[in-house]
Amino acid sequence: MTGRVFTHCSAATLVEGERGYGLVEDAAVVVAEGRIAWIGARGDLPVDHAVWEQVDLGGALVTPALVDCHTHLVFGGDRSREFALRLEGASYEEIARAGGGIRSTVSATRDASDDELLAEALRRVDDLLADGVAVVEVKSGYGLSIAHELRMLRVARAIEGERPVHIRTSWLAAHALPPEFEGEADRYIDEVAIPGLETAAAEGLVDAVDGFCEGIGFSPAQIRRVFDTARELGIRVKLHAEQLSDLKGAVLAAEYDALSADHLEWLAPGDAPLLAEKGVVAVLLPGAFYALRETRLPPMDALREAGVAMALATDCNPGSSPLSSLRLAMNMGCTLFRMTAEEALAGATRNGAKALGLEAEYGTIEPGKRADLAVWDTEHPDFLSYWIGGRLLRGRITAGHYHDA
């Protein structure tokens, strides 16, 4: 067996338990058959690897490829007018109750063709790729009928055939009520969310099940019915929880051994230990916090003290987080949520992978993991959260091959 040795670089391994990013100065990264075979200081390179082809990375920083574990990037239209209304004083809830918000995107998404949805999604994926992202989660939730929700997931799956990215899909039919089900949330769960999930699972279109547990979304009891079906189908769950109020959605998520609970601005500090106990990742979404001009921070100290794994994601969507830069989300996590730069990078790599159930394959540089790595025009990982904007990605290593960005 032979492979390649990437040298003249520093490597932020992000291995859990290691301090200082697990940073290896003057590193050598050995890749064989598309996986990490060895990582360490170049001077310690095993003799049997020293004769392999060596690739000089010119002093670059190498990190695991980034993981965007929460997006809604398949959608039609935009909501720039609602952005202007919020600036004029309207709240997110007021806009939603007036027929705007998610419903306006539902209309635009239903009207768009598959080709149009894919073309627009690829533009946003290209933004993420430019930020070193290799894994993206994509939710349904803007079709709100069985046919349109399935169509969204098919479009999401099609992204992999067009770009070098791994896609994970989440069934989010329990996102909002379409006009034809006004005031009939239980009937919608019975006639769309549950049977549609069963069909999506049968067609192999869904990797996880999500819901919007909120006063303007669905109640914990309604989400529970969807999660019961997911459990019967053997599909893991995640949940939009405690974004606008504390309905104990995170507690519900923990009860179902969820992959993640996402948003969490209104999470009660006393509920954080339950997330840690159940291994539920707290996915923080500072883009939505920023765009909605929220003021209540997630209980960061409680999450840290409990040892909850914290991920960061863009929440890329047309209404509450029109953001397609994971590096900017990392900076926001630091400036708005007071994360450390190391927490931010771990959130966009190791913990992002864990939030998708992919921690065995992605998120760290260690033997056995996939050799999907980002190569950066900087010497230290602090810079990735510090510098706002611009192109820092020099290239990527995919399955053992280096490609310029």
Protein backbone atom coordinates (compact mmCIF):
# COMPACT_ATOMS: atom_id res chain seq x y z
CA MET A 1 0.00 0.00 0.00
CA THR A 2 1.29 3.46 -0.91
CA GLY A 3 -0.07 6.95 -0.60
CA ARG A 4 1.02 10.57 -0.20
CA VAL A 5 2.72 12.54 2.52
CA PHE A 6 1.70 16.18 2.88
CA THR A 7 4.50 18.23 4.44
CA HIS A 8 5.69 21.80 5.10
CA CYS A 9 2.49 22.60 6.96
CA SER A 10 1.04 22.92 10.41
CA ALA A 11 -1.95 20.74 11.21
CA ALA A 12 -4.83 21.53 13.57
CA THR A 13 -6.02 18.02 14.33
CA LEU A 14 -8.99 19.08 16.53
CA VAL A 15 -8.78 15.72 18.30
CA GLU A 16 -11.03 15.77 21.36
CA GLY A 17 -9.14 16.26 24.58
CA GLU A 18 -6.14 17.87 22.91
CA ARG A 19 -5.40 21.48 23.83
CA GLY A 20 -4.49 24.30 21.50
CA TYR A 21 -6.43 22.86 18.55
CA GLY A 22 -4.26 19.73 18.75
CA LEU A 23 -1.88 21.80 16.63
CA VAL A 24 1.16 20.00 15.21
CA GLU A 25 3.90 22.34 14.01
CA ASP A 26 6.00 21.27 11.00
CA ALA A 27 3.58 18.41 10.47
CA ALA A 28 3.38 15.49 8.10
CA VAL A 29 -0.01 14.11 7.15
CA VAL A 30 0.08 10.65 5.58
CA VAL A 31 -2.86 9.64 3.41
CA ALA A 32 -3.47 6.17 1.97
CA GLU A 33 -6.52 4.92 0.12
CA GLY A 34 -8.39 8.12 0.87
CA ARG A 35 -7.89 7.99 4.64
CA ILE A 36 -5.52 9.42 7.20
CA ALA A 37 -2.81 6.83 7.84
CA TRP A 38 -0.57 8.88 10.14
CA ILE A 39 -0.31 12.43 11.53
CA GLY A 40 2.53 13.91 13.52
CA ALA A 41 5.68 15.99 13.48
CA ARG A 42 7.61 15.61 10.22
CA GLY A 43 10.72 14.62 12.13
CA ASP A 44 8.85 11.61 13.52
CA LEU A 45 7.63 10.38 10.13
CA PRO A 46 7.88 6.56 10.07
CA VAL A 47 10.57 5.24 7.74
CA ASP A 48 8.12 3.22 5.64
CA HIS A 49 6.17 6.41 4.81
CA ALA A 50 9.24 8.56 4.15
CA VAL A 51 9.71 7.01 0.71
CA TRP A 52 6.16 7.82 -0.42
CA GLU A 53 5.37 10.73 -2.73
CA GLN A 54 5.64 13.99 -0.79
CA VAL A 55 3.52 17.08 -1.45
CA ASP A 56 4.87 20.40 -0.16
CA LEU A 57 2.06 22.64 1.12
CA GLY A 58 4.23 25.73 1.35
CA GLY A 59 3.79 26.51 5.02
CA ALA A 60 -0.02 26.36 4.95
CA LEU A 61 -2.34 25.45 7.79
CA VAL A 62 -4.26 22.18 7.42
CA THR A 63 -7.51 21.53 9.27
CA PRO A 64 -10.31 19.02 8.89
CA ALA A 65 -12.67 20.15 6.17
CA LEU A 66 -15.48 22.17 7.69
CA VAL A 67 -18.96 20.78 8.35
CA ASP A 68 -22.10 22.93 8.05
CA CYS A 69 -24.52 20.88 10.13
CA HIS A 70 -27.67 23.05 9.86
CA THR A 71 -28.87 24.61 6.59
CA HIS A 72 -32.07 25.20 4.66
CA LEU A 73 -30.27 26.02 1.43
CA VAL A 74 -32.77 24.50 -1.03
CA PHE A 75 -35.50 27.10 -1.50
CA GLY A 76 -37.13 29.38 -4.04
CA GLY A 77 -37.17 33.18 -4.06
CA ASP A 78 -35.83 35.46 -1.33
CA ARG A 79 -37.21 37.50 1.55
CA SER A 80 -35.29 40.75 1.23
CA ARG A 81 -38.53 42.72 1.65
CA GLU A 82 -39.10 41.11 5.04
CA PHE A 83 -35.57 42.10 6.00
CA ALA A 84 -36.55 45.70 5.29
CA LEU A 85 -39.76 45.31 7.33
CA ARG A 86 -37.83 44.05 10.31
CA LEU A 87 -35.58 47.09 10.05
CA GLU A 88 -38.74 49.20 10.19
CA GLY A 89 -39.80 47.52 13.43
CA ALA A 90 -41.83 44.41 12.53
CA SER A 91 -40.93 41.29 14.50
CA TYR A 92 -40.23 37.86 12.99
CA GLU A 93 -43.41 36.55 14.63
CA GLU A 94 -45.55 39.44 13.35
CA ILE A 95 -44.34 38.85 9.81
CA ALA A 96 -44.98 35.12 10.09
CA ARG A 97 -48.49 35.59 11.46
CA ALA A 98 -49.30 38.02 8.62
CA GLY A 99 -48.59 35.33 6.03
CA GLY A 100 -44.95 36.16 5.43
CA GLY A 101 -41.98 34.31 6.78
CA ILE A 102 -41.76 30.63 5.96
CA ARG A 103 -45.06 30.67 4.07
CA SER A 104 -43.78 33.13 1.47
CA THR A 105 -40.81 30.86 0.81
CA VAL A 106 -43.17 27.88 0.55
CA SER A 107 -45.04 29.61 -2.26
CA ALA A 108 -41.82 30.48 -4.13
CA THR A 109 -40.41 26.99 -3.62
CA ARG A 110 -43.54 25.28 -4.90
CA ASP A 111 -43.50 27.52 -7.98
CA ALA A 112 -39.84 26.85 -8.82
CA SER A 113 -38.80 23.95 -11.04
CA ASP A 114 -36.38 21.29 -9.87
CA ASP A 115 -33.70 22.74 -12.14
CA GLU A 116 -34.25 26.21 -10.72
CA LEU A 117 -34.07 24.97 -7.13
CA LEU A 118 -30.87 23.06 -7.85
CA ALA A 119 -29.22 25.95 -9.68
CA GLU A 120 -29.90 28.36 -6.81
CA ALA A 121 -28.80 25.82 -4.20
CA LEU A 122 -25.51 25.28 -6.04
CA ARG A 123 -24.72 28.99 -5.83
CA ARG A 124 -24.99 28.79 -2.05
CA VAL A 125 -23.04 25.52 -1.95
CA ASP A 126 -20.25 27.18 -3.92
CA ASP A 127 -20.03 29.85 -1.21
CA LEU A 128 -19.64 27.13 1.42
CA LEU A 129 -17.05 25.26 -0.62
CA ALA A 130 -15.00 28.46 -0.82
CA ASP A 131 -14.97 28.41 2.99
CA GLY A 132 -13.49 24.92 3.15
CA VAL A 133 -16.76 23.07 3.77
CA ALA A 134 -16.97 19.42 2.68
CA VAL A 135 -20.16 18.29 4.45
CA VAL A 136 -23.51 20.10 4.36
CA GLU A 137 -26.80 19.18 6.00
CA VAL A 138 -29.87 20.25 3.99
CA LYS A 139 -33.41 20.31 5.35
CA SER A 140 -36.76 20.11 3.65
CA GLY A 141 -39.48 22.31 5.13
CA TYR A 142 -40.38 24.75 2.37
CA GLY A 143 -42.65 22.41 0.41
CA LEU A 144 -45.12 21.49 3.18
CA SER A 145 -46.86 18.88 1.07
CA ILE A 146 -45.67 15.34 0.65
CA ALA A 147 -44.81 15.79 -3.02
CA HIS A 148 -42.97 19.08 -2.54
CA GLU A 149 -41.10 17.96 0.57
CA LEU A 150 -39.87 14.86 -1.25
CA ARG A 151 -38.89 17.04 -4.20
CA MET A 152 -36.76 19.21 -1.94
CA LEU A 153 -34.88 16.19 -0.64
CA ARG A 154 -34.31 14.87 -4.16
CA VAL A 155 -32.85 18.24 -5.15
CA ALA A 156 -30.64 18.18 -2.06
CA ARG A 157 -29.37 14.70 -2.95
CA ALA A 158 -28.65 15.90 -6.51
CA ILE A 159 -26.11 18.44 -5.18
CA GLU A 160 -23.60 15.62 -4.61
CA GLY A 161 -23.59 14.86 -8.32
CA GLU A 162 -22.70 18.44 -9.15
CA ARG A 163 -20.18 19.44 -6.46
CA PRO A 164 -17.44 17.77 -4.32
CA VAL A 165 -19.52 17.80 -1.14
CA HIS A 166 -21.20 15.22 1.07
CA ILE A 167 -24.90 15.98 1.67
CA ARG A 168 -26.96 14.85 4.65
CA THR A 169 -30.71 15.39 4.45
CA SER A 170 -33.25 16.10 7.19
CA TRP A 171 -37.04 15.73 6.94
CA LEU A 172 -38.46 19.01 8.28
CA ALA A 173 -42.10 18.84 7.21
CA ALA A 174 -42.98 19.95 10.77
CA HIS A 175 -41.63 23.42 10.00
CA ALA A 176 -44.78 25.49 9.48
CA LEU A 177 -48.39 25.12 8.41
CA PRO A 178 -49.23 25.74 4.75
CA PRO A 179 -52.34 27.84 4.05
CA GLU A 180 -54.44 24.80 3.19
CA PHE A 181 -53.99 23.51 6.76
CA GLU A 182 -54.57 26.81 8.56
CA GLY A 183 -55.50 26.10 12.19
CA GLU A 184 -55.26 22.33 11.70
CA ALA A 185 -51.81 21.41 12.87
CA ASP A 186 -52.78 17.96 14.09
CA ARG A 187 -54.36 17.09 10.74
CA TYR A 188 -51.21 18.32 8.99
CA ILE A 189 -49.06 16.05 11.16
CA ASP A 190 -51.38 13.12 10.36
CA GLU A 191 -51.72 13.74 6.63
CA VAL A 192 -48.35 15.23 5.62
CA ALA A 193 -45.56 15.08 8.18
CA ILE A 194 -45.91 11.43 9.22
CA PRO A 195 -46.92 9.70 5.95
CA GLY A 196 -44.46 11.83 4.01
CA LEU A 197 -41.68 10.76 6.36
CA GLU A 198 -42.58 7.14 5.81
CA THR A 199 -42.39 7.64 2.05
CA ALA A 200 -39.10 9.55 2.27
CA ALA A 201 -37.61 6.76 4.37
CA ALA A 202 -38.79 4.10 1.94
CA GLU A 203 -37.14 6.01 -0.91
CA GLY A 204 -33.87 6.47 0.99
CA LEU A 205 -34.15 10.23 0.94
CA VAL A 206 -33.83 11.06 4.62
CA ASP A 207 -30.90 10.82 7.05
CA ALA A 208 -32.54 12.55 10.04
CA VAL A 209 -35.87 14.00 11.16
CA ASP A 210 -36.22 17.59 12.38
CA GLY A 211 -39.01 19.83 13.62
CA PHE A 212 -39.67 23.43 14.64
CA CYS A 213 -40.83 23.27 18.26
CA GLU A 214 -42.09 26.78 18.88
CA GLY A 215 -45.24 28.80 19.46
CA ILE A 216 -45.31 29.74 15.77
CA GLY A 217 -44.35 26.19 14.81
CA PHE A 218 -45.43 22.94 16.44
CA SER A 219 -46.06 21.91 20.03
CA PRO A 220 -43.95 19.36 21.87
CA ALA A 221 -46.88 16.91 21.69
CA GLN A 222 -47.07 17.26 17.91
CA ILE A 223 -43.30 16.90 17.52
CA ARG A 224 -43.42 13.82 19.73
CA ARG A 225 -45.74 12.08 17.25
CA VAL A 226 -43.30 12.74 14.40
CA PHE A 227 -40.39 11.55 16.52
CA ASP A 228 -42.25 8.37 17.45
CA THR A 229 -42.53 7.58 13.75
CA ALA A 230 -38.84 8.35 13.23
CA ARG A 231 -37.97 5.99 16.07
CA GLU A 232 -40.07 3.23 14.50
CA LEU A 233 -38.23 3.78 11.22
CA GLY A 234 -34.82 3.75 12.91
CA ILE A 235 -34.01 7.34 11.92
CA ARG A 236 -32.20 9.73 14.28
CA VAL A 237 -33.81 13.06 15.19
CA LYS A 238 -32.76 16.66 15.78
CA LEU A 239 -34.84 19.67 16.75
CA HIS A 240 -35.15 23.43 16.39
CA ALA A 241 -35.55 24.13 20.10
CA GLU A 242 -35.75 27.12 22.41
CA GLN A 243 -35.15 29.74 19.74
CA LEU A 244 -37.95 32.12 20.72
CA SER A 245 -39.29 30.60 23.95
CA ASP A 246 -38.67 27.71 26.34
CA LEU A 247 -41.09 24.92 25.43
CA LYS A 248 -38.64 22.28 26.70
CA GLY A 249 -37.92 21.16 23.17
CA ALA A 250 -34.34 20.38 24.12
CA VAL A 251 -35.59 18.13 26.92
CA LEU A 252 -37.80 16.38 24.37
CA ALA A 253 -34.85 16.01 22.01
CA ALA A 254 -32.78 14.43 24.78
CA GLU A 255 -35.58 11.99 25.55
CA TYR A 256 -35.30 10.73 21.96
CA ASP A 257 -31.47 10.58 22.03
CA ALA A 258 -31.36 13.31 19.41
CA LEU A 259 -28.28 14.10 17.39
CA SER A 260 -28.69 17.77 18.21
CA ALA A 261 -30.83 20.54 19.64
CA ASP A 262 -30.44 23.72 17.60
CA HIS A 263 -30.67 27.47 18.41
CA LEU A 264 -31.13 27.25 22.23
CA GLU A 265 -31.20 30.96 23.08
CA TRP A 266 -34.00 30.24 25.57
CA LEU A 267 -32.56 27.01 26.92
CA ALA A 268 -32.88 26.89 30.71
CA PRO A 269 -29.37 26.54 32.18
CA GLY A 270 -30.62 23.68 34.32
CA ASP A 271 -31.43 21.65 31.20
CA ALA A 272 -27.85 21.70 29.89
CA PRO A 273 -26.69 18.66 31.91
CA LEU A 274 -29.41 16.56 30.30
CA LEU A 275 -28.01 17.36 26.85
CA ALA A 276 -24.56 16.31 28.02
CA GLU A 277 -25.88 13.11 29.60
CA LYS A 278 -27.63 12.09 26.38
CA GLY A 279 -24.84 13.21 24.05
CA VAL A 280 -27.04 15.79 22.32
CA VAL A 281 -24.97 18.39 20.47
CA ALA A 282 -25.93 22.03 21.01
CA VAL A 283 -25.93 23.58 17.54
CA LEU A 284 -25.49 27.34 17.85
CA LEU A 285 -26.73 29.55 15.03
CA PRO A 286 -25.41 33.10 15.44
CA GLY A 287 -26.49 34.10 11.93
CA ALA A 288 -30.16 33.94 12.94
CA PHE A 289 -29.42 35.64 16.25
CA TYR A 290 -27.72 38.46 14.31
CA ALA A 291 -30.27 38.78 11.50
CA LEU A 292 -33.24 38.82 13.88
CA ARG A 293 -31.44 41.22 16.21
CA GLU A 294 -32.01 38.94 19.15
CA THR A 295 -30.61 39.87 22.55
CA ARG A 296 -30.92 36.71 24.64
CA LEU A 297 -27.74 34.62 24.41
CA PRO A 298 -27.65 30.84 24.69
CA PRO A 299 -26.56 29.83 28.21
CA MET A 300 -22.91 29.43 27.22
CA ASP A 301 -21.52 29.00 30.74
CA ALA A 302 -24.06 26.30 31.54
CA LEU A 303 -23.29 24.44 28.31
CA ARG A 304 -19.55 24.60 29.02
CA GLU A 305 -19.89 23.56 32.65
CA ALA A 306 -22.06 20.59 31.68
CA GLY A 307 -19.61 19.53 28.97
CA VAL A 308 -22.10 19.81 26.12
CA ALA A 309 -20.51 19.57 22.67
CA MET A 310 -21.19 22.86 20.87
CA ALA A 311 -21.40 23.01 17.08
CA LEU A 312 -21.69 26.07 14.84
CA ALA A 313 -23.60 26.29 11.56
CA THR A 314 -24.81 28.90 9.09
CA ASP A 315 -28.55 28.12 9.30
CA CYS A 316 -28.46 29.28 5.65
CA ASN A 317 -32.05 30.23 4.82
CA PRO A 318 -33.89 33.08 3.07
CA GLY A 319 -35.58 34.59 6.11
CA SER A 320 -33.84 34.48 9.45
CA SER A 321 -30.25 33.70 8.39
CA PRO A 322 -29.38 34.70 4.81
CA LEU A 323 -25.81 33.54 5.38
CA SER A 324 -23.67 31.24 3.24
CA SER A 325 -20.29 31.65 4.96
CA LEU A 326 -19.41 29.23 7.72
CA ARG A 327 -16.28 31.23 8.52
CA LEU A 328 -18.45 34.27 9.17
CA ALA A 329 -20.65 32.13 11.43
CA MET A 330 -17.47 31.19 13.32
CA ASN A 331 -16.59 34.86 13.78
CA MET A 332 -20.15 35.59 14.92
CA GLY A 333 -19.95 32.70 17.38
CA CYS A 334 -16.92 34.39 18.91
CA THR A 335 -18.10 38.00 18.85
CA LEU A 336 -21.79 37.47 19.65
CA PHE A 337 -21.81 34.28 21.75
CA ARG A 338 -18.36 34.75 23.33
CA MET A 339 -17.01 31.45 22.07
CA THR A 340 -13.28 31.04 21.97
CA ALA A 341 -11.62 30.74 18.55
CA GLU A 342 -10.84 27.12 19.37
CA GLU A 343 -14.46 26.41 20.32
CA ALA A 344 -15.59 27.98 17.05
CA LEU A 345 -13.33 25.83 14.89
CA ALA A 346 -14.20 22.70 16.86
CA GLY A 347 -17.86 23.66 16.37
CA ALA A 348 -17.43 23.83 12.60
CA THR A 349 -15.47 20.57 12.41
CA ARG A 350 -15.51 17.93 15.15
CA ASN A 351 -18.80 18.88 16.79
CA GLY A 352 -20.49 19.68 13.50
CA ALA A 353 -19.68 16.15 12.36
CA LYS A 354 -21.04 14.76 15.63
CA ALA A 355 -24.28 16.70 15.13
CA LEU A 356 -24.77 14.71 11.91
CA GLY A 357 -23.70 11.35 13.31
CA LEU A 358 -20.56 11.48 11.15
CA GLU A 359 -17.90 11.75 13.83
CA ALA A 360 -16.34 8.42 12.80
CA GLU A 361 -15.58 9.81 9.34
CA TYR A 362 -15.17 13.59 9.54
CA GLY A 363 -14.22 16.41 11.86
CA THR A 364 -10.70 15.60 13.06
CA ILE A 365 -7.33 14.69 11.58
CA GLU A 366 -6.53 11.29 13.02
CA PRO A 367 -5.80 7.84 11.63
CA GLY A 368 -8.77 6.10 10.08
CA LYS A 369 -10.74 9.26 9.29
CA ARG A 370 -11.53 10.32 5.74
CA ALA A 371 -8.80 12.47 4.23
CA ASP A 372 -11.10 15.44 3.57
CA LEU A 373 -8.99 18.39 4.65
CA ALA A 374 -8.87 22.15 4.16
CA VAL A 375 -5.61 23.92 3.35
CA TRP A 376 -5.48 27.56 4.42
CA ASP A 377 -3.39 30.63 3.60
CA THR A 378 -2.52 31.24 7.24
CA GLU A 379 -0.16 29.74 9.78
CA HIS A 380 -2.39 29.60 12.85
CA PRO A 381 -6.02 28.48 13.30
CA ASP A 382 -6.94 31.55 15.38
CA PHE A 383 -6.92 33.49 12.10
CA LEU A 384 -9.88 31.54 10.69
CA SER A 385 -12.30 33.00 13.26
CA TYR A 386 -10.56 36.37 13.49
CA TRP A 387 -10.48 37.51 9.85
CA ILE A 388 -13.85 38.60 8.46
CA GLY A 389 -14.43 37.91 4.77
CA GLY A 390 -11.98 37.36 1.95
CA ARG A 391 -10.66 34.09 0.57
CA LEU A 392 -8.41 32.21 2.96
CA LEU A 393 -8.78 28.76 1.44
CA ARG A 394 -5.68 27.80 -0.56
CA GLY A 395 -6.87 24.34 -1.50
CA ARG A 396 -8.42 21.11 -0.34
CA ILE A 397 -7.28 17.55 0.08
CA THR A 398 -9.99 15.12 -1.00
CA ALA A 399 -9.41 11.37 -0.89
CA GLY A 400 -5.67 11.96 -0.79
CA HIS A 401 -5.48 14.35 -3.73
CA TYR A 402 -4.68 18.03 -3.45
CA HIS A 403 -6.75 20.54 -5.43
CA ASP A 404 -6.26 24.31 -5.54
CA ALA A 405 -9.22 26.30 -4.26
